[in-house]
Amino acid sequence: MSLAVSAPGVPDSTAAARPQGRRGNVRGWVLVVALLIGIALLSLRLVTTAPSLEGVLNPESPAPGGAKAVAELVRQQGTEVEVVRSRTAAGAALDPGSTLVLTDPVALTDDAVLDLLDEADRVVLLGTSARMLELLDLGTGAASTGAGGLDAVEASCDRPEFADTGGVQAERMFEPADDVDGCFRDADGAAALLVAEREGARISFIEATRMLSNRHLAEDGNAALGLALLAQTDHVVWYVGSLEDGDRAADTPATLGELTPAWLTPAILLLLLAGIAAIWWRGGRFGPLVAESLPVTVRASETMHGRARLTAKAADAPHAAAAIRAGTRARLATRLALSPRATAEEVADAASDRLGVPRGSLHDLLGGPAPADDRELVELARRLAELETAVWAAQTERNRP
């Protein structure tokens, strides 16, 4: 075998080629470092600038909890759906006759919510809360069904747009106020949808975060309910709120990035580059590799004794018996002029013909069950040795002139 070692002295051709190879390594490391930095900067930019597609009933999210499916369904009815992510943009996008769609605006104060709703002629709230019920004076909560605790309820109201919606699996029921219409009522009179007129604006209030999601839109009459709520005007402004847009942001704690000093990020990048440079510097090879022949000779007896000691230490009588039988079969096959690959049955048949003894006993001896302990192993070895001696003597007698 051969062993690769570093040689202190090399031919001139190899020494001349070394600087060129090192320059190639330097260029390769520079490209790798530049690529890693570029990927890190691009990922940081995407994370900080790309709009989030998460959240409940996001009209741009194809996730199971998003509302992209119902938004596309409304667009197919000829209604323009405009998605905005700030209160200012929502107010600027609202035209007379437009519909403002939003979920529970948890990031906005009461005054900010009222100011936003005052700018719309038609409002659809798809997320409910006790705060919004009280703020808009729509009624009180009746029962929460969770993920489907009630049977499907029918529209059962005088609003014509809900006449053909069919039954829906209500998520939450309400007791409407005196001046509020309730639709999708149950046997107790509680309603899943509240419709009210407030200061010239029509407000529809329903818990539909599950019904109008991508996952459940095709169930019951959910799709028809979505069209009845959102496709009644030519223009829909869908406000997707966030904590950054809310006027409660001043009360939120500072983030880790805001608390760290400005020099921390450049320092981390500098340490990263220094670590890469140290790896390249200390990871360089001392010189080219050369092959040196190192012949190794191991005596067969050492291998045999080593394997025997391992077998004895493991007390593996079946394995030792298999090795003894294999050696006996090989030697008998040579003595009986058989193929080295002859099976135990073939060797036993040939030995039986040569010695004139029954084949069955030799079959068991050369290929029978393995011994269970050392005593049976010793007995098997003794009988195999006697068989070899008898075949050797018979062959010698046959060859004698």
Protein backbone atom coordinates (compact mmCIF):
# COMPACT_ATOMS: atom_id res chain seq x y z
CA MET A 1 0.00 0.00 0.00
CA SER A 2 1.04 3.65 -0.20
CA LEU A 3 0.98 6.59 2.19
CA ALA A 4 0.75 10.27 1.15
CA VAL A 5 3.25 12.49 3.03
CA SER A 6 4.50 16.06 2.69
CA ALA A 7 7.91 16.21 1.07
CA PRO A 8 10.36 18.99 2.04
CA GLY A 9 11.95 18.96 -1.41
CA VAL A 10 10.04 18.75 -4.69
CA PRO A 11 10.94 19.05 -8.36
CA ASP A 12 11.17 22.48 -9.91
CA SER A 13 8.05 21.96 -12.02
CA THR A 14 5.93 21.31 -8.95
CA ALA A 15 7.39 24.26 -7.09
CA ALA A 16 6.72 26.52 -10.04
CA ALA A 17 3.09 25.42 -10.18
CA ARG A 18 2.50 26.09 -6.47
CA PRO A 19 2.05 29.91 -6.59
CA GLN A 20 -0.48 29.59 -9.39
CA GLY A 21 -2.51 27.04 -7.41
CA ARG A 22 -2.44 29.28 -4.31
CA ARG A 23 -3.64 32.26 -6.32
CA GLY A 24 -6.49 30.08 -7.59
CA ASN A 25 -7.41 29.17 -4.01
CA VAL A 26 -7.42 32.83 -3.00
CA ARG A 27 -9.74 33.74 -5.88
CA GLY A 28 -12.05 30.87 -4.96
CA TRP A 29 -12.29 31.97 -1.32
CA VAL A 30 -12.94 35.58 -2.35
CA LEU A 31 -15.80 34.45 -4.59
CA VAL A 32 -17.29 32.30 -1.81
CA VAL A 33 -17.12 35.15 0.73
CA ALA A 34 -18.64 37.62 -1.74
CA LEU A 35 -21.45 35.18 -2.53
CA LEU A 36 -22.24 34.61 1.14
CA ILE A 37 -22.33 38.34 1.86
CA GLY A 38 -24.57 38.95 -1.16
CA ILE A 39 -27.01 36.23 -0.11
CA ALA A 40 -27.13 37.60 3.45
CA LEU A 41 -27.81 41.16 2.29
CA LEU A 42 -30.47 40.02 -0.20
CA SER A 43 -32.22 37.90 2.43
CA LEU A 44 -32.17 40.80 4.89
CA ARG A 45 -33.68 43.12 2.30
CA LEU A 46 -36.41 40.66 1.39
CA VAL A 47 -37.31 40.08 5.02
CA THR A 48 -37.47 43.79 5.83
CA THR A 49 -39.26 45.01 2.68
CA ALA A 50 -41.51 42.19 1.46
CA PRO A 51 -45.13 42.44 2.66
CA SER A 52 -46.15 39.78 5.11
CA LEU A 53 -48.50 37.13 3.74
CA GLU A 54 -49.31 35.84 7.19
CA GLY A 55 -52.20 36.77 9.44
CA VAL A 56 -55.90 36.09 9.58
CA LEU A 57 -57.92 36.57 6.34
CA ASN A 58 -55.08 38.20 4.43
CA PRO A 59 -56.47 38.67 0.89
CA GLU A 60 -53.02 38.13 -0.63
CA SER A 61 -52.15 34.97 1.30
CA PRO A 62 -52.66 31.50 -0.23
CA ALA A 63 -52.12 29.90 3.18
CA PRO A 64 -55.00 27.89 4.72
CA GLY A 65 -55.87 30.80 7.03
CA GLY A 66 -55.63 33.44 4.30
CA ALA A 67 -58.44 34.87 2.18
CA LYS A 68 -56.95 34.95 -1.32
CA ALA A 69 -59.63 32.58 -2.62
CA VAL A 70 -62.59 34.75 -1.62
CA ALA A 71 -60.79 37.88 -2.88
CA GLU A 72 -60.33 36.27 -6.31
CA LEU A 73 -63.96 35.14 -6.26
CA VAL A 74 -65.10 38.71 -5.64
CA ARG A 75 -62.91 39.98 -8.47
CA GLN A 76 -64.53 37.49 -10.82
CA GLN A 77 -67.86 39.17 -10.10
CA GLY A 78 -66.52 42.45 -11.53
CA THR A 79 -65.67 44.07 -8.18
CA GLU A 80 -62.27 45.70 -7.81
CA VAL A 81 -60.45 44.57 -4.65
CA GLU A 82 -57.75 46.99 -3.48
CA VAL A 83 -55.51 45.80 -0.64
CA VAL A 84 -54.05 48.50 1.62
CA ARG A 85 -51.82 48.18 4.67
CA SER A 86 -52.17 51.55 6.40
CA ARG A 87 -55.01 53.71 7.69
CA THR A 88 -53.87 56.61 5.56
CA ALA A 89 -53.94 54.53 2.38
CA ALA A 90 -57.34 53.12 3.30
CA GLY A 91 -58.83 56.58 3.75
CA ALA A 92 -57.34 57.79 0.46
CA ALA A 93 -58.62 54.74 -1.45
CA LEU A 94 -62.23 54.99 -0.23
CA ASP A 95 -64.65 56.50 -2.75
CA PRO A 96 -68.38 57.17 -2.30
CA GLY A 97 -70.08 53.80 -2.49
CA SER A 98 -66.93 51.76 -1.71
CA THR A 99 -66.87 48.92 0.76
CA LEU A 100 -64.29 48.90 3.56
CA VAL A 101 -63.34 45.37 4.66
CA LEU A 102 -61.25 44.62 7.75
CA THR A 103 -60.88 42.19 10.60
CA ASP A 104 -60.81 43.16 14.27
CA PRO A 105 -58.50 46.27 14.36
CA VAL A 106 -56.72 45.39 17.60
CA ALA A 107 -53.81 47.77 16.91
CA LEU A 108 -56.07 50.85 16.67
CA THR A 109 -57.53 52.87 19.50
CA ASP A 110 -61.25 53.55 19.66
CA ASP A 111 -60.87 57.03 18.18
CA ALA A 112 -58.77 55.72 15.29
CA VAL A 113 -61.34 53.00 14.54
CA LEU A 114 -64.22 55.50 14.50
CA ASP A 115 -62.28 57.92 12.30
CA LEU A 116 -61.56 55.13 9.81
CA LEU A 117 -65.15 53.87 9.73
CA ASP A 118 -66.53 57.39 9.31
CA GLU A 119 -64.81 57.65 5.93
CA ALA A 120 -66.67 54.63 4.48
CA ASP A 121 -70.28 54.30 3.33
CA ARG A 122 -70.24 50.53 3.75
CA VAL A 123 -68.16 48.57 6.31
CA VAL A 124 -67.73 44.81 6.66
CA LEU A 125 -66.06 43.59 9.85
CA LEU A 126 -64.96 39.95 9.41
CA GLY A 127 -63.46 39.61 12.89
CA THR A 128 -65.44 40.20 16.06
CA SER A 129 -64.63 41.27 19.60
CA ALA A 130 -66.52 42.47 22.65
CA ARG A 131 -64.78 45.82 22.26
CA MET A 132 -66.17 46.39 18.75
CA LEU A 133 -69.64 45.25 19.84
CA GLU A 134 -69.67 47.86 22.59
CA LEU A 135 -67.95 50.57 20.52
CA LEU A 136 -70.48 50.32 17.68
CA ASP A 137 -73.43 49.51 20.01
CA LEU A 138 -74.41 46.43 18.01
CA GLY A 139 -75.47 44.09 20.81
CA THR A 140 -73.93 41.47 23.06
CA GLY A 141 -72.24 38.13 22.57
CA ALA A 142 -74.41 35.05 22.91
CA ALA A 143 -72.29 31.90 22.44
CA SER A 144 -69.00 30.91 20.92
CA THR A 145 -69.06 27.74 18.84
CA GLY A 146 -65.34 27.23 18.32
CA ALA A 147 -64.57 25.13 15.25
CA GLY A 148 -68.09 23.95 14.55
CA GLY A 149 -70.15 23.50 17.70
CA LEU A 150 -73.54 24.47 16.15
CA ASP A 151 -75.59 23.12 13.29
CA ALA A 152 -75.75 25.12 10.07
CA VAL A 153 -78.00 28.19 10.33
CA GLU A 154 -79.98 29.75 7.48
CA ALA A 155 -80.07 33.43 6.55
CA SER A 156 -83.61 34.01 7.93
CA CYS A 157 -83.59 37.79 7.53
CA ASP A 158 -85.10 40.44 5.24
CA ARG A 159 -81.80 41.36 3.55
CA PRO A 160 -82.17 40.31 -0.10
CA GLU A 161 -78.43 39.75 -0.72
CA PHE A 162 -78.45 36.86 1.79
CA ALA A 163 -81.58 35.15 0.43
CA ASP A 164 -79.68 32.56 -1.62
CA THR A 165 -76.63 31.98 0.56
CA GLY A 166 -77.91 28.77 2.13
CA GLY A 167 -76.80 27.48 5.49
CA VAL A 168 -73.45 28.31 7.11
CA GLN A 169 -71.60 26.94 10.11
CA ALA A 170 -71.62 29.94 12.44
CA GLU A 171 -68.50 30.61 14.48
CA ARG A 172 -70.07 32.98 16.99
CA MET A 173 -73.59 34.11 17.84
CA PHE A 174 -74.80 37.49 19.08
CA GLU A 175 -77.85 39.07 20.67
CA PRO A 176 -78.55 42.05 18.37
CA ALA A 177 -79.51 45.47 19.74
CA ASP A 178 -82.96 46.90 19.09
CA ASP A 179 -81.94 48.89 16.01
CA VAL A 180 -79.74 46.09 14.55
CA ASP A 181 -80.88 43.45 12.08
CA GLY A 182 -79.79 39.90 12.81
CA CYS A 183 -79.26 37.30 10.10
CA PHE A 184 -78.48 33.59 10.29
CA ARG A 185 -80.45 33.10 13.49
CA ASP A 186 -80.67 29.94 15.55
CA ALA A 187 -83.65 28.56 17.44
CA ASP A 188 -82.99 30.87 20.41
CA GLY A 189 -83.02 34.02 18.26
CA ALA A 190 -79.27 34.66 18.40
CA ALA A 191 -77.74 35.84 15.13
CA ALA A 192 -74.37 35.17 13.48
CA LEU A 193 -74.49 38.34 11.32
CA LEU A 194 -75.37 41.82 12.58
CA VAL A 195 -76.28 44.58 10.13
CA ALA A 196 -76.74 48.16 11.37
CA GLU A 197 -76.88 51.72 10.10
CA ARG A 198 -74.51 54.03 11.94
CA GLU A 199 -74.27 57.73 10.95
CA GLY A 200 -75.05 57.07 7.31
CA ALA A 201 -72.78 54.01 7.02
CA ARG A 202 -73.96 50.44 6.79
CA ILE A 203 -71.97 48.11 9.06
CA SER A 204 -71.97 44.31 8.73
CA PHE A 205 -70.48 42.46 11.70
CA ILE A 206 -69.69 38.72 11.58
CA GLU A 207 -67.07 36.30 12.85
CA ALA A 208 -65.87 34.78 9.54
CA THR A 209 -62.17 34.12 10.11
CA ARG A 210 -62.82 30.41 9.55
CA MET A 211 -65.76 30.47 7.12
CA LEU A 212 -64.08 32.77 4.55
CA SER A 213 -60.58 31.27 4.88
CA ASN A 214 -59.02 29.40 1.98
CA ARG A 215 -59.42 26.10 3.80
CA HIS A 216 -63.17 26.33 4.51
CA LEU A 217 -64.50 28.58 1.73
CA ALA A 218 -65.92 25.65 -0.27
CA GLU A 219 -67.92 24.32 2.69
CA ASP A 220 -71.67 24.93 3.16
CA GLY A 221 -72.71 28.36 1.88
CA ASN A 222 -69.47 30.12 2.83
CA ALA A 223 -68.60 31.22 -0.71
CA ALA A 224 -72.10 32.63 -1.27
CA LEU A 225 -71.88 34.45 2.07
CA GLY A 226 -68.56 36.01 1.02
CA LEU A 227 -70.06 37.32 -2.21
CA ALA A 228 -73.11 38.65 -0.37
CA LEU A 229 -70.87 40.56 2.03
CA LEU A 230 -68.11 41.79 -0.30
CA ALA A 231 -69.46 41.93 -3.87
CA GLN A 232 -72.31 44.42 -3.41
CA THR A 233 -70.31 47.42 -4.68
CA ASP A 234 -67.90 48.02 -7.55
CA HIS A 235 -64.94 48.82 -5.30
CA VAL A 236 -63.66 47.07 -2.17
CA VAL A 237 -60.87 48.50 0.00
CA TRP A 238 -59.46 45.63 2.08
CA TYR A 239 -57.49 47.00 5.02
CA VAL A 240 -54.82 44.60 6.36
CA GLY A 241 -53.75 46.10 9.66
CA SER A 242 -50.52 45.57 11.57
CA LEU A 243 -49.00 46.61 14.87
CA GLU A 244 -46.68 49.04 13.06
CA ASP A 245 -49.67 50.88 11.57
CA GLY A 246 -51.58 51.13 14.83
CA ASP A 247 -51.61 54.23 17.02
CA ARG A 248 -50.81 52.02 20.00
CA ALA A 249 -47.26 51.52 18.66
CA ALA A 250 -45.88 54.13 21.05
CA ASP A 251 -46.74 51.88 23.99
CA THR A 252 -45.04 48.78 22.57
CA PRO A 253 -41.60 47.83 23.93
CA ALA A 254 -38.54 48.50 21.81
CA THR A 255 -37.22 45.67 19.68
CA LEU A 256 -33.77 44.14 20.02
CA GLY A 257 -32.62 45.90 16.84
CA GLU A 258 -33.66 49.26 18.28
CA LEU A 259 -31.81 48.63 21.54
CA THR A 260 -28.50 47.58 19.99
CA PRO A 261 -25.99 50.25 18.92
CA ALA A 262 -25.47 51.06 15.25
CA TRP A 263 -21.88 49.76 15.21
CA LEU A 264 -22.84 46.21 16.26
CA THR A 265 -23.83 44.92 12.80
CA PRO A 266 -20.60 46.13 11.07
CA ALA A 267 -18.58 44.66 13.91
CA ILE A 268 -20.27 41.26 13.49
CA LEU A 269 -19.60 41.32 9.73
CA LEU A 270 -15.96 42.25 10.36
CA LEU A 271 -15.54 39.37 12.82
CA LEU A 272 -17.12 37.00 10.30
CA LEU A 273 -14.68 38.08 7.58
CA ALA A 274 -11.76 37.75 10.01
CA GLY A 275 -12.85 34.22 10.90
CA ILE A 276 -13.05 33.23 7.23
CA ALA A 277 -9.60 34.70 6.60
CA ALA A 278 -8.19 32.77 9.58
CA ILE A 279 -9.70 29.53 8.28
CA TRP A 280 -8.13 30.09 4.86
CA TRP A 281 -4.76 31.01 6.39
CA ARG A 282 -4.48 28.11 8.82
CA GLY A 283 -6.16 25.60 6.51
CA GLY A 284 -3.53 25.84 3.76
CA ARG A 285 -1.45 22.75 2.89
CA PHE A 286 2.30 22.66 3.63
CA GLY A 287 3.18 21.40 0.16
CA PRO A 288 2.28 18.98 -2.63
CA LEU A 289 1.63 15.33 -1.78
CA VAL A 290 3.92 12.53 -2.96
CA ALA A 291 3.43 8.78 -2.74
CA GLU A 292 5.88 6.58 -0.85
CA SER A 293 5.64 2.80 -0.96
CA LEU A 294 5.44 1.14 2.43
CA PRO A 295 5.22 -2.67 1.97
CA VAL A 296 3.68 -4.48 4.92
CA THR A 297 3.89 -8.25 5.45
CA VAL A 298 1.65 -10.05 7.93
CA ARG A 299 2.18 -13.75 8.62
CA ALA A 300 -0.79 -16.01 8.02
CA SER A 301 -0.26 -17.68 11.38
CA GLU A 302 -0.67 -14.33 13.17
CA THR A 303 -3.99 -13.76 11.46
CA MET A 304 -5.14 -17.29 12.27
CA HIS A 305 -4.18 -17.06 15.94
CA GLY A 306 -5.73 -13.60 16.27
CA ARG A 307 -9.06 -14.74 14.86
CA ALA A 308 -8.94 -17.85 17.06
CA ARG A 309 -8.39 -15.73 20.18
CA LEU A 310 -11.29 -13.47 19.25
CA THR A 311 -13.59 -16.44 18.72
CA ALA A 312 -12.52 -18.03 22.01
CA LYS A 313 -13.01 -14.75 23.88
CA ALA A 314 -16.51 -14.40 22.46
CA ALA A 315 -17.36 -18.05 23.36
CA ASP A 316 -18.96 -18.38 19.92
CA ALA A 317 -19.05 -22.16 19.44
CA PRO A 318 -21.28 -22.10 16.29
CA HIS A 319 -18.94 -19.65 14.54
CA ALA A 320 -15.87 -21.69 15.44
CA ALA A 321 -17.58 -24.88 14.25
CA ALA A 322 -18.43 -23.26 10.92
CA ALA A 323 -14.78 -22.24 10.45
CA ILE A 324 -13.50 -25.75 11.31
CA ARG A 325 -16.00 -27.41 8.95
CA ALA A 326 -15.13 -24.98 6.14
CA GLY A 327 -11.43 -25.78 6.50
CA THR A 328 -12.10 -29.53 6.62
CA ARG A 329 -14.33 -29.41 3.51
CA ALA A 330 -11.69 -27.44 1.59
CA ARG A 331 -8.91 -29.88 2.44
CA LEU A 332 -11.08 -32.93 1.74
CA ALA A 333 -12.19 -31.47 -1.60
CA THR A 334 -8.54 -31.08 -2.62
CA ARG A 335 -7.71 -34.59 -1.46
CA LEU A 336 -10.75 -36.10 -3.25
CA ALA A 337 -10.13 -34.16 -6.51
CA LEU A 338 -13.30 -32.08 -6.15
CA SER A 339 -13.92 -28.45 -6.94
CA PRO A 340 -12.88 -25.95 -4.23
CA ARG A 341 -16.51 -24.80 -4.28
CA ALA A 342 -17.92 -28.26 -3.63
CA THR A 343 -20.78 -28.37 -1.15
CA ALA A 344 -20.83 -30.31 2.09
CA GLU A 345 -23.09 -32.94 0.52
CA GLU A 346 -20.74 -33.45 -2.45
CA VAL A 347 -17.70 -33.80 -0.18
CA ALA A 348 -19.60 -36.18 2.11
CA ASP A 349 -20.69 -38.34 -0.86
CA ALA A 350 -17.14 -38.56 -2.21
CA ALA A 351 -15.69 -39.39 1.23
CA SER A 352 -18.40 -42.01 1.76
CA ASP A 353 -17.50 -43.72 -1.52
CA ARG A 354 -13.83 -43.62 -0.65
CA LEU A 355 -14.23 -44.99 2.91
CA GLY A 356 -17.28 -47.20 2.34
CA VAL A 357 -19.30 -45.71 5.20
CA PRO A 358 -22.96 -44.47 5.20
CA ARG A 359 -23.49 -41.04 3.65
CA GLY A 360 -25.93 -39.81 6.30
CA SER A 361 -23.39 -39.76 9.09
CA LEU A 362 -20.89 -37.82 6.97
CA HIS A 363 -23.61 -35.36 5.88
CA ASP A 364 -24.35 -34.58 9.53
CA LEU A 365 -20.66 -34.34 10.34
CA LEU A 366 -19.79 -31.89 7.54
CA GLY A 367 -23.02 -29.86 7.38
CA GLY A 368 -25.19 -30.72 10.35
CA PRO A 369 -26.41 -28.47 13.18
CA ALA A 370 -23.89 -26.29 14.98
CA PRO A 371 -22.66 -27.30 18.45
CA ALA A 372 -24.28 -25.57 21.39
CA ASP A 373 -21.27 -25.41 23.75
CA ASP A 374 -17.53 -25.96 23.94
CA ARG A 375 -17.86 -29.65 24.79
CA GLU A 376 -19.79 -30.38 21.60
CA LEU A 377 -17.33 -28.19 19.66
CA VAL A 378 -14.36 -30.26 20.87
CA GLU A 379 -16.17 -33.49 19.96
CA LEU A 380 -16.96 -32.15 16.48
CA ALA A 381 -13.33 -31.13 15.92
CA ARG A 382 -12.10 -34.57 17.01
CA ARG A 383 -14.47 -36.37 14.61
CA LEU A 384 -13.52 -34.09 11.70
CA ALA A 385 -9.84 -34.73 12.38
CA GLU A 386 -10.49 -38.49 12.39
CA LEU A 387 -12.37 -38.15 9.06
CA GLU A 388 -9.46 -36.29 7.47
CA THR A 389 -6.99 -38.90 8.77
CA ALA A 390 -9.12 -41.76 7.41
CA VAL A 391 -9.50 -40.13 3.96
CA TRP A 392 -5.78 -39.39 3.86
CA ALA A 393 -4.94 -43.00 4.73
CA ALA A 394 -7.42 -44.39 2.18
CA GLN A 395 -6.05 -42.11 -0.55
CA THR A 396 -2.47 -43.11 0.30
CA GLU A 397 -3.39 -46.79 0.21
CA ARG A 398 -5.13 -46.36 -3.13
CA ASN A 399 -2.14 -44.60 -4.68
CA ARG A 400 0.32 -47.23 -3.45
CA PRO A 401 1.62 -49.46 -6.33
